[in-house]
């Protein structure tokens, strides 16, 4: 037996209300999760687009320290066969105590020196250890907050945790956009300008890319 005809519109209306509620829920949840990230990426999109007009004076800080003889002996004994290898744990801890760098990256080993690159968002850093004297020198370069935020936008030298955040943020933005598209579809009957505006959002960048980018 089939359900009475009068019950079918009610059932359809109930399903539509359920999906509309789900769309609104996922839309606002994804917008809440991605709000701060969207602001950050929108602002840094502008600063990156005008990077040549926003000049930053790099600030360079130098430092030096001498490694204890026992640690230097241990460092010499740990010279690897390969040209690149991490610093021994004790040496890495000593470096991090005396210089504002993370010593977890692979160092570059040569016959007379160990060079540790420590790039970072918005700047650069390195530590060099002389294997003959144990003298360690460091140079840290900072290019300011705008450069720091620009590098976060690009994921440059920002580490695995920030890379994971970008992936989660991109997924939240995708949910936000897709649920917004469905909500546009549901409300478009009452808003005639919906699809012309969506079309403009596609046509304008497509036209610029086709005409002005070669």
C-alpha atoms as a PDB file:
ATOM      1  CA  UNK A   1       0.000   0.000   0.000  1.00  0.00           C
ATOM      2  CA  UNK A   2       1.167   3.493  -0.789  1.00  0.00           C
ATOM      3  CA  UNK A   3       1.156   6.390   1.671  1.00  0.00           C
ATOM      4  CA  UNK A   4      -1.821   8.739   1.237  1.00  0.00           C
ATOM      5  CA  UNK A   5      -1.154  11.509  -1.245  1.00  0.00           C
ATOM      6  CA  UNK A   6      -1.709  14.143   1.435  1.00  0.00           C
ATOM      7  CA  UNK A   7       1.220  12.751   3.456  1.00  0.00           C
ATOM      8  CA  UNK A   8       3.786  12.981   0.657  1.00  0.00           C
ATOM      9  CA  UNK A   9       4.177  16.792   0.607  1.00  0.00           C
ATOM     10  CA  UNK A  10       4.506  16.755   4.393  1.00  0.00           C
ATOM     11  CA  UNK A  11       7.235  14.089   4.243  1.00  0.00           C
ATOM     12  CA  UNK A  12       9.054  16.004   1.495  1.00  0.00           C
ATOM     13  CA  UNK A  13       8.815  19.209   3.487  1.00  0.00           C
ATOM     14  CA  UNK A  14      10.200  17.434   6.554  1.00  0.00           C
ATOM     15  CA  UNK A  15      13.190  16.090   4.560  1.00  0.00           C
ATOM     16  CA  UNK A  16      13.878  19.520   3.076  1.00  0.00           C
ATOM     17  CA  UNK A  17      13.758  21.082   6.537  1.00  0.00           C
ATOM     18  CA  UNK A  18      16.197  18.431   7.816  1.00  0.00           C
ATOM     19  CA  UNK A  19      18.729  19.043   5.030  1.00  0.00           C
ATOM     20  CA  UNK A  20      18.348  22.801   5.307  1.00  0.00           C
ATOM     21  CA  UNK A  21      19.112  22.545   9.017  1.00  0.00           C
ATOM     22  CA  UNK A  22      22.165  20.371   8.285  1.00  0.00           C
ATOM     23  CA  UNK A  23      23.448  22.791   5.654  1.00  0.00           C
ATOM     24  CA  UNK A  24      23.066  25.765   7.989  1.00  0.00           C
ATOM     25  CA  UNK A  25      24.815  23.874  10.798  1.00  0.00           C
ATOM     26  CA  UNK A  26      27.813  22.812   8.681  1.00  0.00           C
ATOM     27  CA  UNK A  27      27.969  26.241   7.063  1.00  0.00           C
ATOM     28  CA  UNK A  28      28.218  28.157  10.311  1.00  0.00           C
ATOM     29  CA  UNK A  29      30.535  25.600  11.913  1.00  0.00           C
ATOM     30  CA  UNK A  30      32.968  25.695   8.982  1.00  0.00           C
ATOM     31  CA  UNK A  31      32.782  29.501   8.866  1.00  0.00           C
ATOM     32  CA  UNK A  32      33.586  29.697  12.584  1.00  0.00           C
ATOM     33  CA  UNK A  33      36.570  27.348  12.203  1.00  0.00           C
ATOM     34  CA  UNK A  34      37.941  29.153   9.148  1.00  0.00           C
ATOM     35  CA  UNK A  35      37.104  32.773  10.092  1.00  0.00           C
ATOM     36  CA  UNK A  36      40.465  33.820  11.546  1.00  0.00           C
ATOM     37  CA  UNK A  37      42.360  31.879   8.883  1.00  0.00           C
ATOM     38  CA  UNK A  38      40.329  33.570   6.133  1.00  0.00           C
ATOM     39  CA  UNK A  39      41.155  36.991   7.574  1.00  0.00           C
ATOM     40  CA  UNK A  40      44.843  36.075   7.805  1.00  0.00           C
ATOM     41  CA  UNK A  41      45.032  34.685   4.277  1.00  0.00           C
ATOM     42  CA  UNK A  42      43.003  37.588   2.835  1.00  0.00           C
ATOM     43  CA  UNK A  43      45.273  40.209   4.440  1.00  0.00           C
ATOM     44  CA  UNK A  44      48.478  38.397   3.506  1.00  0.00           C
ATOM     45  CA  UNK A  45      47.125  37.838  -0.007  1.00  0.00           C
ATOM     46  CA  UNK A  46      47.038  41.640  -0.310  1.00  0.00           C
ATOM     47  CA  UNK A  47      50.502  42.130   1.246  1.00  0.00           C
ATOM     48  CA  UNK A  48      51.994  39.430  -0.987  1.00  0.00           C
ATOM     49  CA  UNK A  49      50.412  41.021  -4.051  1.00  0.00           C
ATOM     50  CA  UNK A  50      52.090  44.318  -3.075  1.00  0.00           C
ATOM     51  CA  UNK A  51      55.295  42.861  -1.645  1.00  0.00           C
ATOM     52  CA  UNK A  52      57.469  45.131  -3.804  1.00  0.00           C
ATOM     53  CA  UNK A  53      55.729  48.211  -2.368  1.00  0.00           C
ATOM     54  CA  UNK A  54      55.962  47.115   1.269  1.00  0.00           C
ATOM     55  CA  UNK A  55      59.641  47.281   2.115  1.00  0.00           C
ATOM     56  CA  UNK A  56      61.060  45.837   5.315  1.00  0.00           C
ATOM     57  CA  UNK A  57      64.510  46.574   6.713  1.00  0.00           C
ATOM     58  CA  UNK A  58      66.081  43.298   7.854  1.00  0.00           C
ATOM     59  CA  UNK A  59      67.379  43.237  11.427  1.00  0.00           C
ATOM     60  CA  UNK A  60      70.474  41.053  11.842  1.00  0.00           C
ATOM     61  CA  UNK A  61      71.579  39.786  15.266  1.00  0.00           C
ATOM     62  CA  UNK A  62      74.951  38.088  15.709  1.00  0.00           C
ATOM     63  CA  UNK A  63      76.161  36.017  18.638  1.00  0.00           C
ATOM     64  CA  UNK A  64      79.082  33.760  19.535  1.00  0.00           C
ATOM     65  CA  UNK A  65      79.973  31.168  22.158  1.00  0.00           C
ATOM     66  CA  UNK A  66      82.728  28.623  22.714  1.00  0.00           C
ATOM     67  CA  UNK A  67      81.899  24.964  23.131  1.00  0.00           C
ATOM     68  CA  UNK A  68      83.372  23.129  26.164  1.00  0.00           C
ATOM     69  CA  UNK A  69      86.363  20.953  25.229  1.00  0.00           C
ATOM     70  CA  UNK A  70      84.653  17.708  26.236  1.00  0.00           C
ATOM     71  CA  UNK A  71      81.632  18.487  24.055  1.00  0.00           C
ATOM     72  CA  UNK A  72      83.885  19.484  21.161  1.00  0.00           C
ATOM     73  CA  UNK A  73      85.674  16.143  21.457  1.00  0.00           C
ATOM     74  CA  UNK A  74      82.323  14.352  21.382  1.00  0.00           C
ATOM     75  CA  UNK A  75      81.261  16.409  18.350  1.00  0.00           C
ATOM     76  CA  UNK A  76      84.433  15.482  16.445  1.00  0.00           C
ATOM     77  CA  UNK A  77      83.874  11.829  17.272  1.00  0.00           C
ATOM     78  CA  UNK A  78      80.329  12.078  15.902  1.00  0.00           C
ATOM     79  CA  UNK A  79      81.334  13.349  12.446  1.00  0.00           C
ATOM     80  CA  UNK A  80      79.145  11.292  10.076  1.00  0.00           C
ATOM     81  CA  UNK A  81      80.108   9.694   6.794  1.00  0.00           C
ATOM     82  CA  UNK A  82      77.403  11.665   5.000  1.00  0.00           C
ATOM     83  CA  UNK A  83      77.641  15.388   4.370  1.00  0.00           C
ATOM     84  CA  UNK A  84      74.305  16.041   6.066  1.00  0.00           C
ATOM     85  CA  UNK A  85      73.209  14.667   9.445  1.00  0.00           C
ATOM     86  CA  UNK A  86      71.573  15.974  12.635  1.00  0.00           C
ATOM     87  CA  UNK A  87      73.699  17.300  15.486  1.00  0.00           C
ATOM     88  CA  UNK A  88      74.249  14.967  18.440  1.00  0.00           C
ATOM     89  CA  UNK A  89      71.534  15.430  21.061  1.00  0.00           C
ATOM     90  CA  UNK A  90      73.825  17.063  23.651  1.00  0.00           C
ATOM     91  CA  UNK A  91      75.283  19.465  21.073  1.00  0.00           C
ATOM     92  CA  UNK A  92      71.817  20.385  19.781  1.00  0.00           C
ATOM     93  CA  UNK A  93      70.695  21.162  23.347  1.00  0.00           C
ATOM     94  CA  UNK A  94      73.811  23.297  23.906  1.00  0.00           C
ATOM     95  CA  UNK A  95      73.156  25.233  20.687  1.00  0.00           C
ATOM     96  CA  UNK A  96      69.500  25.877  21.561  1.00  0.00           C
ATOM     97  CA  UNK A  97      70.467  27.109  25.048  1.00  0.00           C
ATOM     98  CA  UNK A  98      72.829  29.742  23.664  1.00  0.00           C
ATOM     99  CA  UNK A  99      71.266  30.767  20.367  1.00  0.00           C
ATOM    100  CA  UNK A 100      67.653  31.553  19.382  1.00  0.00           C
ATOM    101  CA  UNK A 101      67.434  28.669  16.896  1.00  0.00           C
ATOM    102  CA  UNK A 102      65.914  25.216  16.635  1.00  0.00           C
ATOM    103  CA  UNK A 103      68.696  22.652  16.235  1.00  0.00           C
ATOM    104  CA  UNK A 104      66.549  19.778  15.010  1.00  0.00           C
ATOM    105  CA  UNK A 105      67.326  20.262  11.297  1.00  0.00           C
ATOM    106  CA  UNK A 106      70.102  18.397   9.512  1.00  0.00           C
ATOM    107  CA  UNK A 107      73.494  20.085   9.739  1.00  0.00           C
ATOM    108  CA  UNK A 108      76.031  20.306   6.927  1.00  0.00           C
ATOM    109  CA  UNK A 109      79.316  18.665   7.936  1.00  0.00           C
ATOM    110  CA  UNK A 110      82.731  19.370   6.442  1.00  0.00           C
ATOM    111  CA  UNK A 111      86.309  18.671   7.500  1.00  0.00           C
ATOM    112  CA  UNK A 112      86.658  21.898   9.499  1.00  0.00           C
ATOM    113  CA  UNK A 113      83.126  23.101  10.250  1.00  0.00           C
ATOM    114  CA  UNK A 114      79.566  22.118  11.094  1.00  0.00           C
ATOM    115  CA  UNK A 115      76.980  24.456   9.597  1.00  0.00           C
ATOM    116  CA  UNK A 116      73.405  24.358  10.887  1.00  0.00           C
ATOM    117  CA  UNK A 117      70.812  26.193   8.754  1.00  0.00           C
ATOM    118  CA  UNK A 118      67.739  27.282  10.715  1.00  0.00           C
ATOM    119  CA  UNK A 119      65.370  29.074   8.321  1.00  0.00           C
ATOM    120  CA  UNK A 120      62.179  30.478   9.801  1.00  0.00           C
ATOM    121  CA  UNK A 121      59.073  32.386   8.698  1.00  0.00           C
ATOM    122  CA  UNK A 122      59.905  36.046   8.221  1.00  0.00           C
ATOM    123  CA  UNK A 123      63.628  35.583   8.416  1.00  0.00           C
ATOM    124  CA  UNK A 124      66.615  33.282   8.460  1.00  0.00           C
ATOM    125  CA  UNK A 125      69.189  31.946  10.902  1.00  0.00           C
ATOM    126  CA  UNK A 126      72.275  29.777  11.016  1.00  0.00           C
ATOM    127  CA  UNK A 127      74.913  28.487  13.412  1.00  0.00           C
ATOM    128  CA  UNK A 128      78.456  27.524  12.416  1.00  0.00           C
ATOM    129  CA  UNK A 129      80.756  25.521  14.706  1.00  0.00           C
ATOM    130  CA  UNK A 130      84.508  25.495  14.087  1.00  0.00           C
ATOM    131  CA  UNK A 131      85.729  21.937  14.660  1.00  0.00           C
ATOM    132  CA  UNK A 132      89.272  23.118  15.428  1.00  0.00           C
ATOM    133  CA  UNK A 133      88.488  25.683  18.145  1.00  0.00           C
ATOM    134  CA  UNK A 134      84.923  24.872  19.205  1.00  0.00           C
ATOM    135  CA  UNK A 135      83.855  28.455  18.550  1.00  0.00           C
ATOM    136  CA  UNK A 136      80.210  28.707  17.499  1.00  0.00           C
ATOM    137  CA  UNK A 137      78.891  31.767  15.697  1.00  0.00           C
ATOM    138  CA  UNK A 138      75.283  32.569  14.930  1.00  0.00           C
ATOM    139  CA  UNK A 139      73.395  35.033  12.772  1.00  0.00           C
ATOM    140  CA  UNK A 140      69.642  35.608  13.000  1.00  0.00           C
ATOM    141  CA  UNK A 141      67.836  37.774  10.440  1.00  0.00           C
ATOM    142  CA  UNK A 142      64.325  39.127  11.011  1.00  0.00           C
ATOM    143  CA  UNK A 143      62.350  40.866   8.248  1.00  0.00           C
ATOM    144  CA  UNK A 144      59.414  41.927  10.400  1.00  0.00           C
ATOM    145  CA  UNK A 145      55.811  40.861  11.050  1.00  0.00           C
ATOM    146  CA  UNK A 146      54.550  41.362   7.517  1.00  0.00           C
ATOM    147  CA  UNK A 147      57.227  39.056   6.143  1.00  0.00           C
ATOM    148  CA  UNK A 148      56.469  36.591   8.946  1.00  0.00           C
ATOM    149  CA  UNK A 149      52.753  36.496   8.087  1.00  0.00           C
ATOM    150  CA  UNK A 150      53.517  36.303   4.353  1.00  0.00           C
ATOM    151  CA  UNK A 151      55.665  33.227   4.946  1.00  0.00           C
ATOM    152  CA  UNK A 152      52.879  31.653   7.017  1.00  0.00           C
ATOM    153  CA  UNK A 153      50.568  32.254   4.032  1.00  0.00           C
ATOM    154  CA  UNK A 154      52.983  30.342   1.804  1.00  0.00           C
ATOM    155  CA  UNK A 155      53.811  27.696   4.416  1.00  0.00           C
ATOM    156  CA  UNK A 156      57.494  28.630   4.043  1.00  0.00           C
ATOM    157  CA  UNK A 157      59.771  27.181   6.727  1.00  0.00           C
ATOM    158  CA  UNK A 158      56.785  26.863   9.069  1.00  0.00           C
ATOM    159  CA  UNK A 159      57.037  23.215  10.103  1.00  0.00           C
ATOM    160  CA  UNK A 160      54.733  20.219  10.072  1.00  0.00           C
ATOM    161  CA  UNK A 161      52.174  21.540  12.589  1.00  0.00           C
ATOM    162  CA  UNK A 162      51.469  24.634  10.490  1.00  0.00           C
ATOM    163  CA  UNK A 163      51.289  22.502   7.346  1.00  0.00           C
ATOM    164  CA  UNK A 164      48.644  20.359   9.058  1.00  0.00           C
ATOM    165  CA  UNK A 165      46.736  23.502  10.056  1.00  0.00           C
ATOM    166  CA  UNK A 166      46.703  24.656   6.415  1.00  0.00           C
ATOM    167  CA  UNK A 167      45.253  21.292   5.353  1.00  0.00           C
ATOM    168  CA  UNK A 168      42.510  21.462   8.018  1.00  0.00           C
ATOM    169  CA  UNK A 169      41.818  25.108   7.166  1.00  0.00           C
ATOM    170  CA  UNK A 170      41.537  24.281   3.455  1.00  0.00           C
ATOM    171  CA  UNK A 171      39.065  21.490   4.257  1.00  0.00           C
ATOM    172  CA  UNK A 172      36.984  23.866   6.422  1.00  0.00           C
ATOM    173  CA  UNK A 173      36.959  26.425   3.594  1.00  0.00           C
ATOM    174  CA  UNK A 174      35.834  23.729   1.157  1.00  0.00           C
ATOM    175  CA  UNK A 175      32.943  22.748   3.446  1.00  0.00           C
ATOM    176  CA  UNK A 176      32.075  26.429   3.882  1.00  0.00           C
ATOM    177  CA  UNK A 177      32.018  27.014   0.112  1.00  0.00           C
ATOM    178  CA  UNK A 178      30.105  23.850  -0.821  1.00  0.00           C
ATOM    179  CA  UNK A 179      27.434  24.314   1.851  1.00  0.00           C
ATOM    180  CA  UNK A 180      27.165  27.953   0.814  1.00  0.00           C
ATOM    181  CA  UNK A 181      26.585  26.839  -2.776  1.00  0.00           C
ATOM    182  CA  UNK A 182      23.741  24.543  -1.724  1.00  0.00           C
ATOM    183  CA  UNK A 183      22.234  27.294   0.416  1.00  0.00           C
ATOM    184  CA  UNK A 184      22.381  29.610  -2.584  1.00  0.00           C
ATOM    185  CA  UNK A 185      20.522  26.992  -4.591  1.00  0.00           C
ATOM    186  CA  UNK A 186      17.829  26.646  -1.936  1.00  0.00           C
ATOM    187  CA  UNK A 187      17.271  30.398  -1.646  1.00  0.00           C
ATOM    188  CA  UNK A 188      17.864  31.373  -5.272  1.00  0.00           C
ATOM    189  CA  UNK A 189      14.170  31.265  -6.202  1.00  0.00           C
ATOM    190  CA  UNK A 190      13.563  34.282  -3.977  1.00  0.00           C
ATOM    191  CA  UNK A 191      16.782  36.079  -4.929  1.00  0.00           C
ATOM    192  CA  UNK A 192      17.013  36.508  -8.674  1.00  0.00           C
ATOM    193  CA  UNK A 193      20.469  38.068  -8.595  1.00  0.00           C
ATOM    194  CA  UNK A 194      22.025  34.941  -7.030  1.00  0.00           C
ATOM    195  CA  UNK A 195      23.226  33.116 -10.144  1.00  0.00           C
ATOM    196  CA  UNK A 196      24.221  36.252 -12.114  1.00  0.00           C
ATOM    197  CA  UNK A 197      26.462  37.202  -9.185  1.00  0.00           C
ATOM    198  CA  UNK A 198      27.879  33.676  -8.981  1.00  0.00           C
ATOM    199  CA  UNK A 199      28.477  33.817 -12.737  1.00  0.00           C
ATOM    200  CA  UNK A 200      30.335  37.117 -12.343  1.00  0.00           C
ATOM    201  CA  UNK A 201      32.496  35.515  -9.673  1.00  0.00           C
ATOM    202  CA  UNK A 202      33.594  32.984 -12.297  1.00  0.00           C
ATOM    203  CA  UNK A 203      33.585  35.208 -15.392  1.00  0.00           C
ATOM    204  CA  UNK A 204      35.696  38.082 -14.007  1.00  0.00           C
ATOM    205  CA  UNK A 205      38.805  36.062 -12.989  1.00  0.00           C
ATOM    206  CA  UNK A 206      38.441  33.846 -16.085  1.00  0.00           C
ATOM    207  CA  UNK A 207      38.354  36.916 -18.350  1.00  0.00           C
ATOM    208  CA  UNK A 208      41.337  38.523 -16.622  1.00  0.00           C
ATOM    209  CA  UNK A 209      43.342  35.295 -16.874  1.00  0.00           C
ATOM    210  CA  UNK A 210      42.441  34.842 -20.529  1.00  0.00           C
ATOM    211  CA  UNK A 211      42.989  38.424 -21.686  1.00  0.00           C
ATOM    212  CA  UNK A 212      45.726  39.843 -19.490  1.00  0.00           C
ATOM    213  CA  UNK A 213      47.835  36.828 -18.467  1.00  0.00           C
ATOM    214  CA  UNK A 214      50.102  35.377 -21.130  1.00  0.00           C
END
